[in-house]
Amino acid sequence: MSDEGTQNEELMEDVGLPRGAAPDPDNPGWYSWGDFPPSSFAAATGRLLFKPDGPGRGICRMFPTEAHMNMGGSIHGGAVMSFIDMSMFAGGLCGGMDRAHYVTLHLSTHFLHRGQAGSPLDAYVELVRQTRGHAFLQGVVKQNGENCYSFSGTLKKVNRPNAPAR
């Protein structure tokens, strides 16, 4: 890695950003991992944006489209929970969660208000507690300033990631 690349990685860690994050060119002040591989499940969420929001906190954003809607005209619950799951990882890392490989152990979501396509969803993630083996998180997802979903979850540290799917 070049000296500049090493300096960028060190800067990312100093400001509480996940590895591989880069400023998002289309959204000033936000970071992303770019586009997910088209064949991955994560790609269905669209580009995930994130940024630190003070000690122990991060904010994540998705842009719901018609592809995220259910037959009742609101954002599909599966799309919401996928976004929240991804936000626990990115938001937790932005909030100072230990850098490690994690898997979701638990996720509880309360559906408070119907989300709509066309306006961003913002997940406000709080790292409640970090132990040697677990990260406990909670938060709320807002759209246009209104609470739409609340959540709590637990991530478990694992010794090594699974091999990529073939």
C-alpha atoms as a PDB file:
ATOM      1  CA  MET A   1       0.000   0.000   0.000  1.00  0.00           C
ATOM      2  CA  SER A   2       1.293   3.495  -0.771  1.00  0.00           C
ATOM      3  CA  ASP A   3       2.120   5.993   1.977  1.00  0.00           C
ATOM      4  CA  GLU A   4      -0.961   7.974   0.933  1.00  0.00           C
ATOM      5  CA  GLY A   5      -3.149   4.856   1.188  1.00  0.00           C
ATOM      6  CA  THR A   6      -1.753   4.079   4.639  1.00  0.00           C
ATOM      7  CA  GLN A   7      -2.383   7.662   5.759  1.00  0.00           C
ATOM      8  CA  ASN A   8      -5.981   7.470   4.479  1.00  0.00           C
ATOM      9  CA  GLU A   9      -6.579   4.197   6.406  1.00  0.00           C
ATOM     10  CA  GLU A  10      -5.147   5.788   9.584  1.00  0.00           C
ATOM     11  CA  LEU A  11      -7.341   8.866   9.098  1.00  0.00           C
ATOM     12  CA  MET A  12     -10.436   6.659   8.646  1.00  0.00           C
ATOM     13  CA  GLU A  13      -9.694   4.851  11.910  1.00  0.00           C
ATOM     14  CA  ASP A  14      -9.063   8.155  13.743  1.00  0.00           C
ATOM     15  CA  VAL A  15     -12.481   9.551  12.774  1.00  0.00           C
ATOM     16  CA  GLY A  16     -14.340   6.277  13.385  1.00  0.00           C
ATOM     17  CA  LEU A  17     -15.033   5.013   9.884  1.00  0.00           C
ATOM     18  CA  PRO A  18     -15.240   1.406   8.722  1.00  0.00           C
ATOM     19  CA  ARG A  19     -12.336  -0.013   6.711  1.00  0.00           C
ATOM     20  CA  GLY A  20     -12.713   0.580   3.004  1.00  0.00           C
ATOM     21  CA  ALA A  21     -14.909   3.650   3.475  1.00  0.00           C
ATOM     22  CA  ALA A  22     -14.416   6.593   1.169  1.00  0.00           C
ATOM     23  CA  PRO A  23     -16.120   9.971   0.846  1.00  0.00           C
ATOM     24  CA  ASP A  24     -19.206   9.453  -1.298  1.00  0.00           C
ATOM     25  CA  PRO A  25     -18.815  11.608  -4.420  1.00  0.00           C
ATOM     26  CA  ASP A  26     -22.568  12.203  -4.786  1.00  0.00           C
ATOM     27  CA  ASN A  27     -23.303  12.970  -1.119  1.00  0.00           C
ATOM     28  CA  PRO A  28     -20.948  15.499   0.518  1.00  0.00           C
ATOM     29  CA  GLY A  29     -20.252  14.763   4.183  1.00  0.00           C
ATOM     30  CA  TRP A  30     -21.187  11.079   3.829  1.00  0.00           C
ATOM     31  CA  TYR A  31     -19.028   7.993   3.325  1.00  0.00           C
ATOM     32  CA  SER A  32     -19.749   4.706   1.562  1.00  0.00           C
ATOM     33  CA  TRP A  33     -18.195   1.482   0.362  1.00  0.00           C
ATOM     34  CA  GLY A  34     -19.400   2.300  -3.149  1.00  0.00           C
ATOM     35  CA  ASP A  35     -21.835   0.015  -4.914  1.00  0.00           C
ATOM     36  CA  PHE A  36     -22.238  -3.537  -3.667  1.00  0.00           C
ATOM     37  CA  PRO A  37     -21.654  -6.357  -6.190  1.00  0.00           C
ATOM     38  CA  PRO A  38     -24.838  -6.606  -8.309  1.00  0.00           C
ATOM     39  CA  SER A  39     -25.281 -10.301  -7.499  1.00  0.00           C
ATOM     40  CA  SER A  40     -25.144  -9.712  -3.706  1.00  0.00           C
ATOM     41  CA  PHE A  41     -28.182  -9.455  -1.444  1.00  0.00           C
ATOM     42  CA  ALA A  42     -26.804  -6.158  -0.098  1.00  0.00           C
ATOM     43  CA  ALA A  43     -27.145  -4.618  -3.571  1.00  0.00           C
ATOM     44  CA  ALA A  44     -30.949  -4.722  -3.193  1.00  0.00           C
ATOM     45  CA  THR A  45     -30.677  -2.033  -0.504  1.00  0.00           C
ATOM     46  CA  GLY A  46     -28.812   0.315  -2.814  1.00  0.00           C
ATOM     47  CA  ARG A  47     -25.881   2.458  -1.821  1.00  0.00           C
ATOM     48  CA  LEU A  48     -25.427   2.607   1.948  1.00  0.00           C
ATOM     49  CA  LEU A  49     -24.123   5.909   3.289  1.00  0.00           C
ATOM     50  CA  PHE A  50     -22.754   6.450   6.779  1.00  0.00           C
ATOM     51  CA  LYS A  51     -20.982   8.965   8.988  1.00  0.00           C
ATOM     52  CA  PRO A  52     -19.965   9.367  12.638  1.00  0.00           C
ATOM     53  CA  ASP A  53     -22.406  11.294  14.833  1.00  0.00           C
ATOM     54  CA  GLY A  54     -20.378  11.825  17.991  1.00  0.00           C
ATOM     55  CA  PRO A  55     -18.998   9.359  20.529  1.00  0.00           C
ATOM     56  CA  GLY A  56     -20.816   6.020  20.384  1.00  0.00           C
ATOM     57  CA  ARG A  57     -23.079   7.085  17.505  1.00  0.00           C
ATOM     58  CA  GLY A  58     -23.317   6.850  13.738  1.00  0.00           C
ATOM     59  CA  ILE A  59     -25.890   7.706  11.093  1.00  0.00           C
ATOM     60  CA  CYS A  60     -26.635   5.542   8.041  1.00  0.00           C
ATOM     61  CA  ARG A  61     -28.742   6.435   5.013  1.00  0.00           C
ATOM     62  CA  MET A  62     -30.511   4.585   2.241  1.00  0.00           C
ATOM     63  CA  PHE A  63     -32.593   5.911  -0.629  1.00  0.00           C
ATOM     64  CA  PRO A  64     -35.805   3.852  -0.887  1.00  0.00           C
ATOM     65  CA  THR A  65     -37.242   3.476  -4.372  1.00  0.00           C
ATOM     66  CA  GLU A  66     -40.307   1.810  -5.852  1.00  0.00           C
ATOM     67  CA  ALA A  67     -38.283  -1.437  -5.854  1.00  0.00           C
ATOM     68  CA  HIS A  68     -38.371  -1.349  -2.013  1.00  0.00           C
ATOM     69  CA  MET A  69     -42.165  -1.033  -1.772  1.00  0.00           C
ATOM     70  CA  ASN A  70     -44.677  -3.655  -0.667  1.00  0.00           C
ATOM     71  CA  MET A  71     -48.098  -4.227  -2.203  1.00  0.00           C
ATOM     72  CA  GLY A  72     -49.634  -1.888   0.402  1.00  0.00           C
ATOM     73  CA  GLY A  73     -47.696   1.141  -0.799  1.00  0.00           C
ATOM     74  CA  SER A  74     -45.080   1.418   1.946  1.00  0.00           C
ATOM     75  CA  ILE A  75     -41.479   0.262   2.287  1.00  0.00           C
ATOM     76  CA  HIS A  76     -41.369  -3.528   2.617  1.00  0.00           C
ATOM     77  CA  GLY A  77     -40.505  -4.738   6.116  1.00  0.00           C
ATOM     78  CA  GLY A  78     -37.762  -6.964   4.729  1.00  0.00           C
ATOM     79  CA  ALA A  79     -36.131  -3.968   3.051  1.00  0.00           C
ATOM     80  CA  VAL A  80     -36.349  -2.005   6.303  1.00  0.00           C
ATOM     81  CA  MET A  81     -34.810  -4.810   8.365  1.00  0.00           C
ATOM     82  CA  SER A  82     -32.028  -5.365   5.833  1.00  0.00           C
ATOM     83  CA  PHE A  83     -31.192  -1.667   6.000  1.00  0.00           C
ATOM     84  CA  ILE A  84     -31.236  -1.717   9.816  1.00  0.00           C
ATOM     85  CA  ASP A  85     -29.033  -4.826   9.908  1.00  0.00           C
ATOM     86  CA  MET A  86     -26.464  -3.193   7.625  1.00  0.00           C
ATOM     87  CA  SER A  87     -26.721   0.037   9.640  1.00  0.00           C
ATOM     88  CA  MET A  88     -25.827  -1.740  12.875  1.00  0.00           C
ATOM     89  CA  PHE A  89     -22.491  -2.726  11.319  1.00  0.00           C
ATOM     90  CA  ALA A  90     -21.639   0.581   9.598  1.00  0.00           C
ATOM     91  CA  GLY A  91     -23.164   2.809  12.291  1.00  0.00           C
ATOM     92  CA  GLY A  92     -21.600   0.781  15.085  1.00  0.00           C
ATOM     93  CA  LEU A  93     -18.164   1.105  13.490  1.00  0.00           C
ATOM     94  CA  CYS A  94     -18.720   4.850  13.031  1.00  0.00           C
ATOM     95  CA  GLY A  95     -19.611   4.962  16.736  1.00  0.00           C
ATOM     96  CA  GLY A  96     -16.375   3.307  17.832  1.00  0.00           C
ATOM     97  CA  MET A  97     -17.277  -0.387  17.825  1.00  0.00           C
ATOM     98  CA  ASP A  98     -14.170  -2.594  17.858  1.00  0.00           C
ATOM     99  CA  ARG A  99     -12.865  -3.383  14.391  1.00  0.00           C
ATOM    100  CA  ALA A 100     -13.552  -7.075  13.931  1.00  0.00           C
ATOM    101  CA  HIS A 101     -15.721  -9.461  11.944  1.00  0.00           C
ATOM    102  CA  TYR A 102     -19.269  -9.705  13.317  1.00  0.00           C
ATOM    103  CA  VAL A 103     -22.455 -11.617  12.634  1.00  0.00           C
ATOM    104  CA  THR A 104     -25.945 -10.569  13.674  1.00  0.00           C
ATOM    105  CA  LEU A 105     -27.037 -12.485  16.753  1.00  0.00           C
ATOM    106  CA  HIS A 106     -30.297 -10.620  17.396  1.00  0.00           C
ATOM    107  CA  LEU A 107     -32.353  -7.860  15.798  1.00  0.00           C
ATOM    108  CA  SER A 108     -35.669  -6.554  17.069  1.00  0.00           C
ATOM    109  CA  THR A 109     -37.562  -3.938  15.074  1.00  0.00           C
ATOM    110  CA  HIS A 110     -40.688  -1.935  15.883  1.00  0.00           C
ATOM    111  CA  PHE A 111     -42.632  -0.556  12.936  1.00  0.00           C
ATOM    112  CA  LEU A 112     -43.916   2.852  14.059  1.00  0.00           C
ATOM    113  CA  HIS A 113     -44.875   4.606  10.824  1.00  0.00           C
ATOM    114  CA  ARG A 114     -44.996   3.634   7.144  1.00  0.00           C
ATOM    115  CA  GLY A 115     -41.941   4.680   5.152  1.00  0.00           C
ATOM    116  CA  GLN A 116     -42.339   5.850   1.556  1.00  0.00           C
ATOM    117  CA  ALA A 117     -40.209   5.824  -1.584  1.00  0.00           C
ATOM    118  CA  GLY A 118     -38.523   9.025  -2.692  1.00  0.00           C
ATOM    119  CA  SER A 119     -37.165  10.339   0.645  1.00  0.00           C
ATOM    120  CA  PRO A 120     -34.040   9.043   2.408  1.00  0.00           C
ATOM    121  CA  LEU A 121     -34.247   6.821   5.466  1.00  0.00           C
ATOM    122  CA  ASP A 122     -31.747   7.764   8.179  1.00  0.00           C
ATOM    123  CA  ALA A 123     -30.791   5.220  10.848  1.00  0.00           C
ATOM    124  CA  TYR A 124     -29.448   6.803  14.029  1.00  0.00           C
ATOM    125  CA  VAL A 125     -27.337   4.039  15.578  1.00  0.00           C
ATOM    126  CA  GLU A 126     -26.073   4.039  19.163  1.00  0.00           C
ATOM    127  CA  LEU A 127     -23.418   1.667  20.465  1.00  0.00           C
ATOM    128  CA  VAL A 128     -24.872   0.900  23.902  1.00  0.00           C
ATOM    129  CA  ARG A 129     -22.145  -1.458  25.125  1.00  0.00           C
ATOM    130  CA  GLN A 130     -19.172  -3.361  23.758  1.00  0.00           C
ATOM    131  CA  THR A 131     -17.801  -6.516  25.414  1.00  0.00           C
ATOM    132  CA  ARG A 132     -15.006  -8.825  24.276  1.00  0.00           C
ATOM    133  CA  GLY A 133     -17.445 -10.863  22.223  1.00  0.00           C
ATOM    134  CA  HIS A 134     -20.550  -8.740  21.587  1.00  0.00           C
ATOM    135  CA  ALA A 135     -21.722  -5.291  20.562  1.00  0.00           C
ATOM    136  CA  PHE A 136     -25.132  -4.099  21.765  1.00  0.00           C
ATOM    137  CA  LEU A 137     -26.796  -1.428  19.638  1.00  0.00           C
ATOM    138  CA  GLN A 138     -30.061   0.478  19.474  1.00  0.00           C
ATOM    139  CA  GLY A 139     -31.540   3.227  17.400  1.00  0.00           C
ATOM    140  CA  VAL A 140     -34.300   4.801  15.430  1.00  0.00           C
ATOM    141  CA  VAL A 141     -34.884   5.192  11.696  1.00  0.00           C
ATOM    142  CA  LYS A 142     -36.371   8.496  10.574  1.00  0.00           C
ATOM    143  CA  GLN A 143     -37.828   9.731   7.331  1.00  0.00           C
ATOM    144  CA  ASN A 144     -38.422  13.461   6.871  1.00  0.00           C
ATOM    145  CA  GLY A 145     -37.807  13.938  10.609  1.00  0.00           C
ATOM    146  CA  GLU A 146     -40.473  11.431  11.683  1.00  0.00           C
ATOM    147  CA  ASN A 147     -39.669   8.258  13.633  1.00  0.00           C
ATOM    148  CA  CYS A 148     -40.635   5.315  11.421  1.00  0.00           C
ATOM    149  CA  TYR A 149     -38.832   2.331  13.001  1.00  0.00           C
ATOM    150  CA  SER A 150     -37.000   1.653  16.244  1.00  0.00           C
ATOM    151  CA  PHE A 151     -34.584  -1.210  16.783  1.00  0.00           C
ATOM    152  CA  SER A 152     -32.182  -2.959  19.107  1.00  0.00           C
ATOM    153  CA  GLY A 153     -29.692  -5.628  18.203  1.00  0.00           C
ATOM    154  CA  THR A 154     -26.666  -7.637  19.190  1.00  0.00           C
ATOM    155  CA  LEU A 155     -23.660  -8.396  17.010  1.00  0.00           C
ATOM    156  CA  LYS A 156     -21.322 -11.265  17.872  1.00  0.00           C
ATOM    157  CA  LYS A 157     -17.605 -11.158  17.136  1.00  0.00           C
ATOM    158  CA  VAL A 158     -16.386 -14.203  15.247  1.00  0.00           C
ATOM    159  CA  ASN A 159     -12.799 -15.368  14.900  1.00  0.00           C
ATOM    160  CA  ARG A 160     -12.811 -15.536  11.145  1.00  0.00           C
ATOM    161  CA  PRO A 161     -15.237 -14.609   8.398  1.00  0.00           C
ATOM    162  CA  ASN A 162     -16.893 -17.218   6.230  1.00  0.00           C
ATOM    163  CA  ALA A 163     -15.477 -17.770   2.781  1.00  0.00           C
ATOM    164  CA  PRO A 164     -17.327 -15.862   0.041  1.00  0.00           C
ATOM    165  CA  ALA A 165     -20.256 -17.669  -1.559  1.00  0.00           C
ATOM    166  CA  ARG A 166     -19.563 -19.205  -4.953  1.00  0.00           C
END
